[in-house]
Amino acid sequence: MSRALLIIDVQNDFTEGGALGVDGGAAVAAGVSRLLEAHPDAYDLVVASRDWHDADNDNGGHFAGEQAPDFVATWPEHCVAGTPGAEYHSDLATDAIDIHVQKGQGQPAYSIFEGTTPDGETLSQVLADRGITDIDVVGLATDYCVRASALDAIEHGQHVRVLTDLVAGVADESSASALAELAHAGADVVDSSVVAA
């Protein structure tokens, strides 16, 4: 068994004060760092994703532009490549990250599996090359990119755990619904105490 940790979109624009900040985002950044510090040998691979959107277009309709965003398919401008909002939150221990994945890049993208590494590899390729069979998912936001990433991991045949104390969502109801959906799809919805077990 080889286990990877997927850290989803712990970026300034998704944490408090950002363009699409969620309550608890900064706490997730700090909590993930504590987890990695306390259990440095728990993961064979640590992968982090970032939304990495183009500045000069609407990213395939992802940015609402002049229209009011519907916060379902269209959003205010966020995580534009090279801006402070697209950077990892300062409380996230980026030195523990083995692989960085950028997603978006001109089109809507929610799942880490839709992104690529700087070398152009997909996460599916990376996981297959490393023989990863088990995945823990943490990050932002529970009801959007965490949900999509965990569902894709299950679809790719991984055994998935979502660590509920290390995710934060846009809204309580949709976050609870996302976790229930993930459990139904086969994920273990547990807190991070399982990492020490």
N, C-alpha and C. Protein backbone atom coordinates (compact mmCIF):
# COMPACT_ATOMS: atom_id res chain seq x y z
N MET A 1 0.84 -1.20 0.00
CA MET A 1 0.00 0.00 0.00
C MET A 1 0.88 1.25 0.00
N SER A 2 0.61 2.14 -0.93
CA SER A 2 1.29 3.44 -0.96
C SER A 2 0.24 4.53 -0.87
N ARG A 3 0.47 5.48 0.03
CA ARG A 3 -0.55 6.50 0.29
C ARG A 3 -0.05 7.89 -0.09
N ALA A 4 -0.93 8.66 -0.71
CA ALA A 4 -0.65 10.05 -1.05
C ALA A 4 -1.61 10.97 -0.32
N LEU A 5 -1.15 12.17 -0.04
CA LEU A 5 -2.00 13.23 0.47
C LEU A 5 -2.23 14.23 -0.65
N LEU A 6 -3.50 14.51 -0.94
CA LEU A 6 -3.86 15.55 -1.90
C LEU A 6 -4.34 16.77 -1.14
N ILE A 7 -3.63 17.88 -1.31
CA ILE A 7 -3.98 19.15 -0.67
C ILE A 7 -4.62 20.02 -1.74
N ILE A 8 -5.90 20.29 -1.59
CA ILE A 8 -6.66 20.95 -2.64
C ILE A 8 -6.78 22.45 -2.38
N ASP A 9 -6.18 23.25 -3.23
CA ASP A 9 -6.45 24.69 -3.37
C ASP A 9 -6.39 25.50 -2.08
N VAL A 10 -5.36 25.27 -1.27
CA VAL A 10 -5.21 26.07 -0.05
C VAL A 10 -4.47 27.35 -0.42
N GLN A 11 -5.24 28.25 -1.04
CA GLN A 11 -4.72 29.47 -1.65
C GLN A 11 -5.31 30.70 -0.99
N ASN A 12 -4.62 31.81 -1.15
CA ASN A 12 -5.08 33.05 -0.51
C ASN A 12 -6.48 33.46 -0.93
N ASP A 13 -6.83 33.28 -2.19
CA ASP A 13 -8.17 33.70 -2.63
C ASP A 13 -9.28 32.82 -2.07
N PHE A 14 -8.96 31.64 -1.56
CA PHE A 14 -9.97 30.75 -0.99
C PHE A 14 -9.98 30.77 0.54
N THR A 15 -9.10 31.58 1.13
CA THR A 15 -9.07 31.69 2.59
C THR A 15 -9.59 33.08 2.98
N GLU A 16 -9.78 33.28 4.25
CA GLU A 16 -10.40 34.51 4.74
C GLU A 16 -9.72 35.75 4.15
N GLY A 17 -10.54 36.67 3.64
CA GLY A 17 -10.03 37.89 3.04
C GLY A 17 -9.77 37.79 1.55
N GLY A 18 -9.85 36.58 1.00
CA GLY A 18 -9.62 36.39 -0.43
C GLY A 18 -10.87 36.61 -1.25
N ALA A 19 -10.73 36.55 -2.56
CA ALA A 19 -11.84 36.82 -3.48
C ALA A 19 -13.01 35.87 -3.26
N LEU A 20 -12.71 34.63 -2.89
CA LEU A 20 -13.75 33.63 -2.61
C LEU A 20 -13.42 32.92 -1.31
N GLY A 21 -13.05 33.69 -0.30
CA GLY A 21 -12.61 33.12 0.97
C GLY A 21 -13.70 32.35 1.69
N VAL A 22 -13.33 31.21 2.26
CA VAL A 22 -14.27 30.43 3.06
C VAL A 22 -13.85 30.49 4.53
N ASP A 23 -14.82 30.50 5.40
CA ASP A 23 -14.53 30.47 6.84
C ASP A 23 -13.80 29.18 7.19
N GLY A 24 -12.72 29.32 7.93
CA GLY A 24 -11.94 28.15 8.31
C GLY A 24 -10.82 27.81 7.36
N GLY A 25 -10.67 28.59 6.30
CA GLY A 25 -9.63 28.30 5.32
C GLY A 25 -8.23 28.38 5.89
N ALA A 26 -7.95 29.43 6.65
CA ALA A 26 -6.62 29.58 7.25
C ALA A 26 -6.35 28.47 8.25
N ALA A 27 -7.38 28.07 8.98
CA ALA A 27 -7.22 26.97 9.94
C ALA A 27 -6.89 25.66 9.23
N VAL A 28 -7.45 25.45 8.05
CA VAL A 28 -7.11 24.27 7.27
C VAL A 28 -5.64 24.30 6.88
N ALA A 29 -5.16 25.47 6.42
CA ALA A 29 -3.74 25.60 6.04
C ALA A 29 -2.84 25.22 7.21
N ALA A 30 -3.12 25.77 8.38
CA ALA A 30 -2.30 25.48 9.56
C ALA A 30 -2.44 24.03 9.99
N GLY A 31 -3.65 23.50 9.91
CA GLY A 31 -3.89 22.12 10.33
C GLY A 31 -3.19 21.11 9.44
N VAL A 32 -3.17 21.35 8.14
CA VAL A 32 -2.46 20.46 7.22
C VAL A 32 -0.97 20.47 7.54
N SER A 33 -0.44 21.66 7.82
CA SER A 33 0.98 21.77 8.16
C SER A 33 1.30 21.00 9.44
N ARG A 34 0.41 21.10 10.44
CA ARG A 34 0.62 20.36 11.68
C ARG A 34 0.59 18.86 11.44
N LEU A 35 -0.33 18.42 10.60
CA LEU A 35 -0.43 16.99 10.27
C LEU A 35 0.87 16.49 9.65
N LEU A 36 1.40 17.23 8.70
CA LEU A 36 2.62 16.81 8.00
C LEU A 36 3.82 16.84 8.93
N GLU A 37 3.85 17.79 9.85
CA GLU A 37 4.95 17.87 10.80
C GLU A 37 4.89 16.72 11.81
N ALA A 38 3.68 16.40 12.25
CA ALA A 38 3.51 15.36 13.26
C ALA A 38 3.71 13.95 12.69
N HIS A 39 3.44 13.79 11.40
CA HIS A 39 3.50 12.46 10.78
C HIS A 39 4.28 12.54 9.46
N PRO A 40 5.57 12.83 9.55
CA PRO A 40 6.36 13.05 8.33
C PRO A 40 6.49 11.82 7.44
N ASP A 41 6.25 10.64 8.00
CA ASP A 41 6.38 9.41 7.22
C ASP A 41 5.04 8.79 6.83
N ALA A 42 3.95 9.54 7.05
CA ALA A 42 2.63 8.97 6.79
C ALA A 42 2.32 8.84 5.30
N TYR A 43 2.99 9.66 4.48
CA TYR A 43 2.65 9.71 3.06
C TYR A 43 3.87 9.44 2.19
N ASP A 44 3.66 8.62 1.16
CA ASP A 44 4.70 8.37 0.18
C ASP A 44 4.81 9.50 -0.83
N LEU A 45 3.75 10.31 -0.92
CA LEU A 45 3.71 11.41 -1.88
C LEU A 45 2.75 12.47 -1.36
N VAL A 46 3.15 13.74 -1.45
CA VAL A 46 2.28 14.86 -1.09
C VAL A 46 2.11 15.73 -2.33
N VAL A 47 0.87 15.89 -2.75
CA VAL A 47 0.55 16.65 -3.96
C VAL A 47 -0.38 17.80 -3.58
N ALA A 48 -0.11 18.99 -4.10
CA ALA A 48 -0.98 20.14 -3.84
C ALA A 48 -1.42 20.74 -5.16
N SER A 49 -2.68 21.13 -5.20
CA SER A 49 -3.21 21.80 -6.40
C SER A 49 -3.45 23.27 -6.12
N ARG A 50 -3.41 24.03 -7.21
CA ARG A 50 -3.82 25.43 -7.16
C ARG A 50 -4.67 25.74 -8.39
N ASP A 51 -5.77 26.47 -8.19
CA ASP A 51 -6.42 27.13 -9.31
C ASP A 51 -5.39 28.08 -9.90
N TRP A 52 -5.32 28.13 -11.22
CA TRP A 52 -4.27 28.90 -11.88
C TRP A 52 -4.86 29.48 -13.17
N HIS A 53 -5.69 30.50 -12.99
CA HIS A 53 -6.50 31.00 -14.10
C HIS A 53 -5.79 32.08 -14.91
N ASP A 54 -6.20 32.17 -16.17
CA ASP A 54 -5.64 33.20 -17.06
C ASP A 54 -6.16 34.57 -16.67
N ALA A 55 -5.33 35.59 -16.88
CA ALA A 55 -5.71 36.96 -16.55
C ALA A 55 -6.45 37.66 -17.68
N ASP A 56 -6.28 37.19 -18.91
CA ASP A 56 -6.73 37.96 -20.07
C ASP A 56 -7.96 37.39 -20.76
N ASN A 57 -8.69 36.48 -20.09
CA ASN A 57 -9.92 35.95 -20.67
C ASN A 57 -10.83 35.46 -19.55
N ASP A 58 -12.01 34.98 -19.92
CA ASP A 58 -12.98 34.56 -18.89
C ASP A 58 -12.82 33.10 -18.48
N ASN A 59 -11.72 32.48 -18.93
CA ASN A 59 -11.42 31.10 -18.56
C ASN A 59 -12.57 30.15 -18.88
N GLY A 60 -13.02 30.24 -20.13
CA GLY A 60 -14.07 29.33 -20.60
C GLY A 60 -15.41 29.58 -19.96
N GLY A 61 -15.66 30.83 -19.55
CA GLY A 61 -16.92 31.17 -18.90
C GLY A 61 -16.89 31.01 -17.40
N HIS A 62 -15.75 30.61 -16.84
CA HIS A 62 -15.61 30.40 -15.39
C HIS A 62 -15.70 31.73 -14.64
N PHE A 63 -15.12 32.78 -15.20
CA PHE A 63 -15.21 34.12 -14.61
C PHE A 63 -16.47 34.80 -15.14
N ALA A 64 -17.23 35.39 -14.24
CA ALA A 64 -18.51 35.99 -14.61
C ALA A 64 -18.35 37.23 -15.48
N GLY A 65 -17.23 37.94 -15.34
CA GLY A 65 -17.02 39.15 -16.13
C GLY A 65 -17.99 40.25 -15.73
N GLU A 66 -18.66 40.81 -16.72
CA GLU A 66 -19.59 41.92 -16.48
C GLU A 66 -20.90 41.44 -15.84
N GLN A 67 -21.20 40.17 -15.97
CA GLN A 67 -22.44 39.63 -15.43
C GLN A 67 -22.26 39.33 -13.93
N ALA A 68 -23.38 39.24 -13.23
CA ALA A 68 -23.30 38.84 -11.82
C ALA A 68 -22.99 37.35 -11.75
N PRO A 69 -22.04 36.94 -10.93
CA PRO A 69 -21.74 35.51 -10.82
C PRO A 69 -22.89 34.75 -10.19
N ASP A 70 -23.09 33.51 -10.63
CA ASP A 70 -24.15 32.70 -10.03
C ASP A 70 -23.62 31.80 -8.91
N PHE A 71 -22.29 31.78 -8.72
CA PHE A 71 -21.64 31.00 -7.67
C PHE A 71 -21.96 29.50 -7.78
N VAL A 72 -22.27 29.07 -8.99
CA VAL A 72 -22.43 27.65 -9.30
C VAL A 72 -21.49 27.30 -10.46
N ALA A 73 -21.67 28.02 -11.58
CA ALA A 73 -20.81 27.81 -12.75
C ALA A 73 -19.97 29.04 -13.07
N THR A 74 -20.41 30.21 -12.59
CA THR A 74 -19.66 31.44 -12.84
C THR A 74 -19.28 32.10 -11.52
N TRP A 75 -18.08 32.69 -11.50
CA TRP A 75 -17.49 33.16 -10.25
C TRP A 75 -16.82 34.51 -10.45
N PRO A 76 -16.65 35.26 -9.37
CA PRO A 76 -15.81 36.45 -9.46
C PRO A 76 -14.38 36.04 -9.84
N GLU A 77 -13.63 36.97 -10.38
CA GLU A 77 -12.23 36.69 -10.73
C GLU A 77 -11.47 36.24 -9.49
N HIS A 78 -10.71 35.16 -9.64
CA HIS A 78 -9.96 34.60 -8.50
C HIS A 78 -8.79 33.79 -9.00
N CYS A 79 -7.77 33.66 -8.18
CA CYS A 79 -6.63 32.78 -8.42
C CYS A 79 -6.04 32.97 -9.82
N VAL A 80 -5.83 34.23 -10.18
CA VAL A 80 -5.20 34.53 -11.46
C VAL A 80 -3.70 34.24 -11.35
N ALA A 81 -3.20 33.50 -12.32
CA ALA A 81 -1.80 33.07 -12.30
C ALA A 81 -0.86 34.24 -12.03
N GLY A 82 0.04 34.04 -11.07
CA GLY A 82 1.04 35.05 -10.78
C GLY A 82 0.62 36.14 -9.83
N THR A 83 -0.63 36.11 -9.36
CA THR A 83 -1.10 37.13 -8.42
C THR A 83 -1.02 36.58 -6.99
N PRO A 84 -1.00 37.47 -5.98
CA PRO A 84 -0.97 36.99 -4.59
C PRO A 84 -2.14 36.06 -4.26
N GLY A 85 -3.30 36.29 -4.84
CA GLY A 85 -4.46 35.45 -4.55
C GLY A 85 -4.28 34.01 -4.97
N ALA A 86 -3.42 33.76 -5.96
CA ALA A 86 -3.20 32.40 -6.45
C ALA A 86 -2.14 31.66 -5.64
N GLU A 87 -1.42 32.37 -4.79
CA GLU A 87 -0.35 31.74 -4.02
C GLU A 87 -0.92 30.90 -2.87
N TYR A 88 -0.15 29.90 -2.45
CA TYR A 88 -0.55 29.12 -1.29
C TYR A 88 -0.65 30.03 -0.06
N HIS A 89 -1.57 29.69 0.84
CA HIS A 89 -1.67 30.42 2.10
C HIS A 89 -0.35 30.28 2.86
N SER A 90 0.04 31.33 3.54
CA SER A 90 1.35 31.35 4.19
C SER A 90 1.48 30.33 5.32
N ASP A 91 0.37 29.84 5.86
CA ASP A 91 0.43 28.84 6.92
C ASP A 91 0.56 27.41 6.40
N LEU A 92 0.54 27.24 5.08
CA LEU A 92 0.70 25.90 4.51
C LEU A 92 2.19 25.62 4.33
N ALA A 93 2.64 24.49 4.86
CA ALA A 93 4.06 24.11 4.79
C ALA A 93 4.39 23.59 3.40
N THR A 94 4.73 24.50 2.50
CA THR A 94 4.94 24.11 1.10
C THR A 94 6.21 23.29 0.90
N ASP A 95 7.12 23.34 1.87
CA ASP A 95 8.34 22.54 1.72
C ASP A 95 8.06 21.04 1.82
N ALA A 96 6.89 20.68 2.31
CA ALA A 96 6.52 19.26 2.42
C ALA A 96 5.85 18.74 1.15
N ILE A 97 5.61 19.62 0.18
CA ILE A 97 4.89 19.24 -1.04
C ILE A 97 5.88 18.68 -2.07
N ASP A 98 5.59 17.49 -2.57
CA ASP A 98 6.43 16.84 -3.58
C ASP A 98 6.08 17.26 -5.00
N ILE A 99 4.78 17.37 -5.27
CA ILE A 99 4.29 17.64 -6.62
C ILE A 99 3.28 18.78 -6.56
N HIS A 100 3.43 19.75 -7.47
CA HIS A 100 2.50 20.87 -7.58
C HIS A 100 1.69 20.72 -8.86
N VAL A 101 0.38 20.87 -8.74
CA VAL A 101 -0.54 20.74 -9.88
C VAL A 101 -1.26 22.07 -10.07
N GLN A 102 -1.30 22.54 -11.29
CA GLN A 102 -2.04 23.75 -11.63
C GLN A 102 -3.25 23.37 -12.45
N LYS A 103 -4.41 23.92 -12.09
CA LYS A 103 -5.63 23.60 -12.83
C LYS A 103 -6.37 24.87 -13.22
N GLY A 104 -7.18 24.77 -14.25
CA GLY A 104 -7.82 25.96 -14.81
C GLY A 104 -7.11 26.30 -16.10
N GLN A 105 -6.25 27.31 -16.04
CA GLN A 105 -5.42 27.66 -17.20
C GLN A 105 -6.26 27.83 -18.47
N GLY A 106 -7.29 28.66 -18.35
CA GLY A 106 -8.11 28.98 -19.52
C GLY A 106 -9.44 28.27 -19.60
N GLN A 107 -9.70 27.38 -18.66
CA GLN A 107 -10.98 26.66 -18.68
C GLN A 107 -11.43 26.37 -17.25
N PRO A 108 -12.72 26.10 -17.06
CA PRO A 108 -13.19 25.72 -15.72
C PRO A 108 -12.54 24.40 -15.30
N ALA A 109 -12.13 24.30 -14.05
CA ALA A 109 -11.55 23.06 -13.54
C ALA A 109 -11.74 23.04 -12.03
N TYR A 110 -12.34 21.99 -11.54
CA TYR A 110 -12.57 21.84 -10.11
C TYR A 110 -11.69 20.74 -9.51
N SER A 111 -11.53 19.64 -10.22
CA SER A 111 -10.79 18.51 -9.69
C SER A 111 -9.29 18.65 -9.96
N ILE A 112 -8.50 18.21 -8.98
CA ILE A 112 -7.04 18.16 -9.15
C ILE A 112 -6.66 17.27 -10.34
N PHE A 113 -7.51 16.33 -10.69
CA PHE A 113 -7.23 15.44 -11.82
C PHE A 113 -7.36 16.15 -13.16
N GLU A 114 -7.92 17.36 -13.18
CA GLU A 114 -8.02 18.14 -14.40
C GLU A 114 -6.79 19.00 -14.65
N GLY A 115 -5.90 19.05 -13.67
CA GLY A 115 -4.72 19.89 -13.79
C GLY A 115 -3.51 19.13 -14.29
N THR A 116 -2.38 19.84 -14.38
CA THR A 116 -1.12 19.24 -14.79
C THR A 116 0.02 19.76 -13.91
N THR A 117 1.08 18.99 -13.88
CA THR A 117 2.30 19.43 -13.21
C THR A 117 3.03 20.41 -14.12
N PRO A 118 4.05 21.11 -13.60
CA PRO A 118 4.83 21.99 -14.47
C PRO A 118 5.45 21.25 -15.66
N ASP A 119 5.65 19.94 -15.54
CA ASP A 119 6.18 19.14 -16.65
C ASP A 119 5.11 18.64 -17.61
N GLY A 120 3.84 19.00 -17.33
CA GLY A 120 2.76 18.61 -18.22
C GLY A 120 2.15 17.26 -17.92
N GLU A 121 2.54 16.64 -16.81
CA GLU A 121 1.96 15.35 -16.44
C GLU A 121 0.61 15.53 -15.76
N THR A 122 -0.29 14.58 -15.95
CA THR A 122 -1.54 14.57 -15.21
C THR A 122 -1.31 13.88 -13.87
N LEU A 123 -2.21 14.13 -12.94
CA LEU A 123 -2.10 13.45 -11.64
C LEU A 123 -2.26 11.95 -11.80
N SER A 124 -3.11 11.52 -12.71
CA SER A 124 -3.27 10.08 -12.95
C SER A 124 -1.95 9.44 -13.31
N GLN A 125 -1.16 10.10 -14.16
CA GLN A 125 0.15 9.57 -14.54
C GLN A 125 1.07 9.50 -13.33
N VAL A 126 1.08 10.58 -12.54
CA VAL A 126 1.95 10.64 -11.37
C VAL A 126 1.63 9.51 -10.39
N LEU A 127 0.33 9.32 -10.10
CA LEU A 127 -0.07 8.29 -9.15
C LEU A 127 0.27 6.90 -9.66
N ALA A 128 0.06 6.67 -10.94
CA ALA A 128 0.37 5.36 -11.52
C ALA A 128 1.88 5.10 -11.46
N ASP A 129 2.67 6.12 -11.78
CA ASP A 129 4.13 5.96 -11.77
C ASP A 129 4.65 5.65 -10.37
N ARG A 130 3.99 6.21 -9.35
CA ARG A 130 4.45 6.02 -7.97
C ARG A 130 3.78 4.83 -7.28
N GLY A 131 2.86 4.16 -7.97
CA GLY A 131 2.19 3.00 -7.39
C GLY A 131 1.26 3.35 -6.23
N ILE A 132 0.65 4.54 -6.29
CA ILE A 132 -0.23 4.99 -5.22
C ILE A 132 -1.56 4.24 -5.29
N THR A 133 -1.99 3.71 -4.14
CA THR A 133 -3.26 2.99 -4.07
C THR A 133 -4.27 3.66 -3.14
N ASP A 134 -3.77 4.48 -2.22
CA ASP A 134 -4.62 5.08 -1.18
C ASP A 134 -4.37 6.58 -1.14
N ILE A 135 -5.45 7.33 -0.96
CA ILE A 135 -5.35 8.79 -1.00
C ILE A 135 -6.12 9.39 0.16
N ASP A 136 -5.50 10.36 0.83
CA ASP A 136 -6.21 11.23 1.78
C ASP A 136 -6.39 12.58 1.11
N VAL A 137 -7.58 13.16 1.27
CA VAL A 137 -7.89 14.44 0.65
C VAL A 137 -8.20 15.47 1.73
N VAL A 138 -7.56 16.65 1.59
CA VAL A 138 -7.78 17.78 2.49
C VAL A 138 -7.85 19.04 1.64
N GLY A 139 -8.33 20.14 2.23
CA GLY A 139 -8.25 21.42 1.53
C GLY A 139 -9.57 22.13 1.36
N LEU A 140 -9.65 22.90 0.26
CA LEU A 140 -10.74 23.85 0.03
C LEU A 140 -11.26 23.72 -1.41
N ALA A 141 -12.51 23.92 -1.61
CA ALA A 141 -13.57 23.96 -0.62
C ALA A 141 -14.30 22.62 -0.66
N THR A 142 -14.79 22.20 0.50
CA THR A 142 -15.41 20.89 0.65
C THR A 142 -16.45 20.62 -0.43
N ASP A 143 -17.30 21.62 -0.69
CA ASP A 143 -18.46 21.43 -1.55
C ASP A 143 -18.16 21.65 -3.03
N TYR A 144 -16.92 21.97 -3.37
CA TYR A 144 -16.57 22.18 -4.78
C TYR A 144 -15.33 21.37 -5.16
N CYS A 145 -14.15 21.91 -4.97
CA CYS A 145 -12.95 21.26 -5.49
C CYS A 145 -12.53 20.04 -4.69
N VAL A 146 -12.76 20.02 -3.37
CA VAL A 146 -12.50 18.81 -2.59
C VAL A 146 -13.43 17.70 -3.05
N ARG A 147 -14.70 18.02 -3.18
CA ARG A 147 -15.69 17.04 -3.64
C ARG A 147 -15.29 16.47 -5.00
N ALA A 148 -15.01 17.35 -5.96
CA ALA A 148 -14.70 16.90 -7.32
C ALA A 148 -13.42 16.06 -7.35
N SER A 149 -12.43 16.47 -6.57
CA SER A 149 -11.15 15.76 -6.56
C SER A 149 -11.31 14.37 -5.94
N ALA A 150 -12.04 14.29 -4.84
CA ALA A 150 -12.23 12.99 -4.18
C ALA A 150 -13.06 12.05 -5.04
N LEU A 151 -14.09 12.56 -5.70
CA LEU A 151 -14.89 11.72 -6.59
C LEU A 151 -14.04 11.20 -7.74
N ASP A 152 -13.17 12.04 -8.30
CA ASP A 152 -12.31 11.60 -9.39
C ASP A 152 -11.30 10.55 -8.90
N ALA A 153 -10.79 10.73 -7.68
CA ALA A 153 -9.86 9.74 -7.13
C ALA A 153 -10.53 8.38 -7.01
N ILE A 154 -11.77 8.37 -6.54
CA ILE A 154 -12.53 7.11 -6.44
C ILE A 154 -12.72 6.52 -7.84
N GLU A 155 -13.08 7.38 -8.79
CA GLU A 155 -13.29 6.95 -10.18
C GLU A 155 -12.02 6.33 -10.76
N HIS A 156 -10.87 6.84 -10.32
CA HIS A 156 -9.58 6.32 -10.80
C HIS A 156 -9.13 5.07 -10.02
N GLY A 157 -9.99 4.55 -9.14
CA GLY A 157 -9.71 3.29 -8.48
C GLY A 157 -8.93 3.40 -7.18
N GLN A 158 -8.79 4.61 -6.66
CA GLN A 158 -8.08 4.81 -5.40
C GLN A 158 -9.00 4.55 -4.21
N HIS A 159 -8.39 4.10 -3.11
CA HIS A 159 -9.12 4.06 -1.84
C HIS A 159 -8.95 5.42 -1.20
N VAL A 160 -10.06 6.12 -0.93
CA VAL A 160 -10.03 7.54 -0.57
C VAL A 160 -10.55 7.76 0.84
N ARG A 161 -9.79 8.58 1.58
CA ARG A 161 -10.28 9.11 2.86
C ARG A 161 -10.34 10.63 2.74
N VAL A 162 -11.44 11.21 3.18
CA VAL A 162 -11.57 12.66 3.28
C VAL A 162 -11.45 13.01 4.76
N LEU A 163 -10.45 13.84 5.09
CA LEU A 163 -10.18 14.18 6.49
C LEU A 163 -11.00 15.40 6.87
N THR A 164 -12.09 15.17 7.58
CA THR A 164 -13.13 16.19 7.75
C THR A 164 -12.69 17.39 8.58
N ASP A 165 -11.70 17.23 9.44
CA ASP A 165 -11.23 18.37 10.22
C ASP A 165 -10.22 19.22 9.45
N LEU A 166 -9.88 18.79 8.24
CA LEU A 166 -8.91 19.53 7.43
C LEU A 166 -9.50 19.93 6.08
N VAL A 167 -10.81 20.15 6.08
CA VAL A 167 -11.51 20.73 4.93
C VAL A 167 -12.41 21.85 5.44
N ALA A 168 -12.72 22.77 4.56
CA ALA A 168 -13.69 23.83 4.87
C ALA A 168 -14.45 24.14 3.60
N GLY A 169 -15.74 24.45 3.76
CA GLY A 169 -16.59 24.64 2.60
C GLY A 169 -17.20 26.01 2.49
N VAL A 170 -17.85 26.23 1.37
CA VAL A 170 -18.52 27.50 1.11
C VAL A 170 -19.74 27.65 2.00
N ALA A 171 -20.53 26.57 2.11
CA ALA A 171 -21.76 26.63 2.90
C ALA A 171 -21.93 25.31 3.65
N ASP A 172 -22.53 25.40 4.83
CA ASP A 172 -22.68 24.21 5.68
C ASP A 172 -23.51 23.13 5.00
N GLU A 173 -24.65 23.52 4.41
CA GLU A 173 -25.56 22.54 3.84
C GLU A 173 -24.93 21.82 2.65
N SER A 174 -24.33 22.58 1.74
CA SER A 174 -23.73 21.94 0.57
C SER A 174 -22.48 21.14 0.94
N SER A 175 -21.78 21.56 1.98
CA SER A 175 -20.61 20.80 2.43
C SER A 175 -21.04 19.46 3.03
N ALA A 176 -22.08 19.48 3.84
CA ALA A 176 -22.61 18.24 4.42
C ALA A 176 -23.10 17.31 3.33
N SER A 177 -23.77 17.88 2.32
CA SER A 177 -24.25 17.09 1.20
C SER A 177 -23.09 16.47 0.42
N ALA A 178 -22.01 17.25 0.24
CA ALA A 178 -20.84 16.74 -0.48
C ALA A 178 -20.20 15.58 0.27
N LEU A 179 -20.07 15.70 1.59
CA LEU A 179 -19.47 14.63 2.38
C LEU A 179 -20.34 13.38 2.35
N ALA A 180 -21.65 13.57 2.39
CA ALA A 180 -22.56 12.42 2.30
C ALA A 180 -22.44 11.74 0.94
N GLU A 181 -22.33 12.55 -0.11
CA GLU A 181 -22.17 12.00 -1.46
C GLU A 181 -20.86 11.21 -1.57
N LEU A 182 -19.80 11.75 -0.99
CA LEU A 182 -18.50 11.06 -1.04
C LEU A 182 -18.54 9.74 -0.27
N ALA A 183 -19.19 9.75 0.88
CA ALA A 183 -19.33 8.52 1.64
C ALA A 183 -20.11 7.47 0.84
N HIS A 184 -21.18 7.91 0.20
CA HIS A 184 -21.99 7.01 -0.61
C HIS A 184 -21.19 6.44 -1.79
N ALA A 185 -20.26 7.28 -2.31
CA ALA A 185 -19.44 6.85 -3.45
C ALA A 185 -18.31 5.92 -3.04
N GLY A 186 -18.09 5.77 -1.71
CA GLY A 186 -17.10 4.83 -1.25
C GLY A 186 -15.94 5.41 -0.47
N ALA A 187 -15.92 6.74 -0.30
CA ALA A 187 -14.86 7.35 0.49
C ALA A 187 -15.09 7.10 1.98
N ASP A 188 -14.01 7.02 2.73
CA ASP A 188 -14.08 7.04 4.18
C ASP A 188 -14.06 8.49 4.61
N VAL A 189 -15.11 8.93 5.26
CA VAL A 189 -15.22 10.32 5.72
C VAL A 189 -14.89 10.31 7.21
N VAL A 190 -13.67 10.69 7.53
CA VAL A 190 -13.12 10.50 8.87
C VAL A 190 -12.30 11.73 9.25
N ASP A 191 -11.89 11.82 10.52
CA ASP A 191 -11.02 12.94 10.86
C ASP A 191 -9.56 12.49 10.84
N SER A 192 -8.66 13.47 11.00
CA SER A 192 -7.25 13.19 10.75
C SER A 192 -6.59 12.32 11.81
N SER A 193 -7.32 11.98 12.87
CA SER A 193 -6.75 11.07 13.88
C SER A 193 -6.42 9.71 13.27
N VAL A 194 -7.06 9.36 12.13
CA VAL A 194 -6.78 8.07 11.49
C VAL A 194 -5.35 8.00 10.96
N VAL A 195 -4.74 9.17 10.71
CA VAL A 195 -3.39 9.19 10.14
C VAL A 195 -2.38 8.61 11.13
N ALA A 196 -2.65 8.81 12.41
CA ALA A 196 -1.75 8.30 13.44
C ALA A 196 -1.96 6.81 13.70
N ALA A 197 -3.07 6.28 13.24
CA ALA A 197 -3.40 4.88 13.54
C ALA A 197 -2.52 3.90 12.77
